[in-house]
């Protein structure tokens, strides 16, 4: 069910389903991004780091948030554009085997001059299976009005 501008209220919260990060996810993201840094691709190197294992790319977390949001259908028919990624913070590493879900809170609403769209402030948290926030930040978006 797609949410339109007039369906939203400041403070409203939504939670996506979870998704488990796999070895294939790590490999495919390395291929897509071209980032084969040893912390992502070398098991022996990674064992000698603080984490003790390979880390999944931080940028993968941002991509996963957009995928979880799409899977939830929150803005499937109403999104016009993501406007920015602001203050995105990587608070904990993502590992192969983590199950992550996305939490979204509506932080602001502003109707545009066109009166067919509005700017929706959205705060996202990417949360692991231990209820730890691994990433968070703001991603405002241009969202259609239902009447438009």
Protein backbone atom coordinates (compact mmCIF):
# COMPACT_ATOMS: atom_id res chain seq x y z
CA UNK A 1 0.00 0.00 0.00
CA UNK A 2 1.66 3.18 -1.18
CA UNK A 3 1.60 6.17 1.17
CA UNK A 4 0.88 9.60 -0.24
CA UNK A 5 1.73 12.98 1.28
CA UNK A 6 -1.67 13.40 2.93
CA UNK A 7 -1.42 9.93 4.53
CA UNK A 8 1.58 11.01 6.63
CA UNK A 9 1.97 12.73 9.99
CA UNK A 10 5.11 13.95 11.73
CA UNK A 11 6.20 11.32 14.23
CA UNK A 12 4.61 8.43 12.35
CA UNK A 13 6.82 5.31 12.38
CA UNK A 14 7.10 2.31 10.10
CA UNK A 15 9.11 -0.92 10.30
CA UNK A 16 10.08 -3.14 7.36
CA UNK A 17 10.50 -6.86 7.25
CA UNK A 18 14.00 -8.20 7.82
CA UNK A 19 16.58 -9.49 5.38
CA UNK A 20 19.64 -11.62 6.11
CA UNK A 21 22.89 -10.45 4.52
CA UNK A 22 24.61 -13.24 2.58
CA UNK A 23 28.02 -13.99 1.16
CA UNK A 24 26.49 -13.44 -2.27
CA UNK A 25 25.33 -9.95 -1.24
CA UNK A 26 28.89 -9.04 -0.23
CA UNK A 27 30.37 -10.45 -3.45
CA UNK A 28 27.79 -8.86 -5.73
CA UNK A 29 28.17 -5.46 -4.06
CA UNK A 30 31.96 -5.73 -4.42
CA UNK A 31 31.45 -6.48 -8.11
CA UNK A 32 28.98 -3.65 -8.60
CA UNK A 33 31.02 -1.04 -6.74
CA UNK A 34 34.48 -2.29 -7.73
CA UNK A 35 35.46 -2.10 -4.05
CA UNK A 36 37.51 -5.23 -3.32
CA UNK A 37 39.27 -3.80 -0.26
CA UNK A 38 40.72 -6.67 1.82
CA UNK A 39 38.40 -5.83 4.72
CA UNK A 40 35.55 -7.00 2.44
CA UNK A 41 37.25 -9.66 0.34
CA UNK A 42 40.12 -11.29 2.24
CA UNK A 43 39.15 -13.65 5.07
CA UNK A 44 42.70 -14.01 6.41
CA UNK A 45 43.35 -10.26 6.36
CA UNK A 46 40.00 -9.60 8.07
CA UNK A 47 40.70 -12.10 10.86
CA UNK A 48 43.58 -9.86 11.95
CA UNK A 49 41.40 -6.74 12.22
CA UNK A 50 39.41 -5.42 15.19
CA UNK A 51 36.24 -6.97 13.78
CA UNK A 52 37.88 -10.36 13.30
CA UNK A 53 35.90 -11.00 10.14
CA UNK A 54 34.98 -9.43 6.80
CA UNK A 55 32.81 -6.34 6.88
CA UNK A 56 29.96 -5.70 4.48
CA UNK A 57 30.37 -2.35 2.70
CA UNK A 58 28.82 0.63 4.48
CA UNK A 59 27.26 1.80 1.23
CA UNK A 60 25.50 -1.57 0.99
CA UNK A 61 23.54 -0.56 4.11
CA UNK A 62 22.20 2.54 2.37
CA UNK A 63 21.24 0.47 -0.66
CA UNK A 64 19.57 -2.09 1.60
CA UNK A 65 17.45 0.63 3.23
CA UNK A 66 16.10 1.64 -0.18
CA UNK A 67 15.39 -2.00 -1.02
CA UNK A 68 13.64 -2.72 2.28
CA UNK A 69 11.56 0.43 1.83
CA UNK A 70 10.59 -0.63 -1.69
CA UNK A 71 9.75 -4.15 -0.52
CA UNK A 72 7.49 -2.62 2.16
CA UNK A 73 5.75 -0.60 -0.57
CA UNK A 74 5.64 2.56 1.50
CA UNK A 75 6.15 4.87 -1.49
CA UNK A 76 5.81 2.44 -4.42
CA UNK A 77 3.36 4.61 -6.37
CA UNK A 78 3.91 7.99 -4.74
CA UNK A 79 7.67 8.64 -4.75
CA UNK A 80 8.97 11.18 -7.23
CA UNK A 81 12.58 11.48 -6.03
CA UNK A 82 14.91 11.03 -3.09
CA UNK A 83 16.27 14.53 -2.50
CA UNK A 84 19.41 13.86 -0.45
CA UNK A 85 21.13 11.66 2.10
CA UNK A 86 21.93 13.80 5.14
CA UNK A 87 23.98 13.02 8.21
CA UNK A 88 24.22 9.32 7.41
CA UNK A 89 26.16 7.63 10.20
CA UNK A 90 27.72 4.18 10.32
CA UNK A 91 27.45 3.21 14.00
CA UNK A 92 28.21 -0.52 13.87
CA UNK A 93 29.61 -2.89 11.25
CA UNK A 94 27.43 -5.11 9.09
CA UNK A 95 28.51 -8.75 8.89
CA UNK A 96 27.56 -11.66 6.68
CA UNK A 97 24.70 -13.39 8.50
CA UNK A 98 23.22 -10.23 10.05
CA UNK A 99 19.48 -9.90 9.67
CA UNK A 100 18.60 -6.25 9.16
CA UNK A 101 15.37 -4.31 9.06
CA UNK A 102 14.60 -0.67 8.42
CA UNK A 103 12.75 1.73 10.69
CA UNK A 104 11.44 4.97 9.20
CA UNK A 105 10.06 7.97 11.07
CA UNK A 106 8.39 10.93 9.38
CA UNK A 107 10.28 13.99 10.68
CA UNK A 108 8.75 16.82 8.65
CA UNK A 109 6.14 17.60 5.98
CA UNK A 110 6.14 20.56 3.62
CA UNK A 111 3.79 21.06 0.69
CA UNK A 112 5.57 22.33 -2.45
CA UNK A 113 4.40 25.31 -4.49
CA UNK A 114 3.13 22.94 -7.20
CA UNK A 115 0.56 21.60 -4.72
CA UNK A 116 0.94 18.19 -6.39
CA UNK A 117 3.90 17.07 -4.28
CA UNK A 118 5.34 17.56 -0.83
CA UNK A 119 8.75 17.21 0.75
CA UNK A 120 8.69 14.45 3.35
CA UNK A 121 11.47 14.42 5.92
CA UNK A 122 12.33 10.80 6.73
CA UNK A 123 14.68 9.51 9.40
CA UNK A 124 15.92 5.98 8.76
CA UNK A 125 17.50 3.47 11.10
CA UNK A 126 18.99 0.21 9.87
CA UNK A 127 18.72 -2.24 12.77
CA UNK A 128 20.32 -5.68 13.22
CA UNK A 129 19.00 -8.88 14.81
CA UNK A 130 20.25 -7.74 18.24
CA UNK A 131 18.17 -4.54 17.99
CA UNK A 132 21.35 -2.49 17.48
CA UNK A 133 21.25 0.47 15.09
CA UNK A 134 24.01 -0.11 12.54
CA UNK A 135 23.31 2.97 10.39
CA UNK A 136 21.02 5.96 10.54
CA UNK A 137 20.37 9.21 8.76
CA UNK A 138 17.93 11.45 6.94
CA UNK A 139 16.63 10.97 3.40
CA UNK A 140 13.99 13.52 2.48
CA UNK A 141 11.89 12.70 -0.55
CA UNK A 142 9.48 14.36 -2.94
CA UNK A 143 6.16 12.51 -2.55
CA UNK A 144 2.97 12.89 -4.61
CA UNK A 145 -0.33 14.01 -3.16
CA UNK A 146 -3.09 11.45 -3.62
CA UNK A 147 -5.31 14.05 -5.32
CA UNK A 148 -2.57 14.75 -7.89
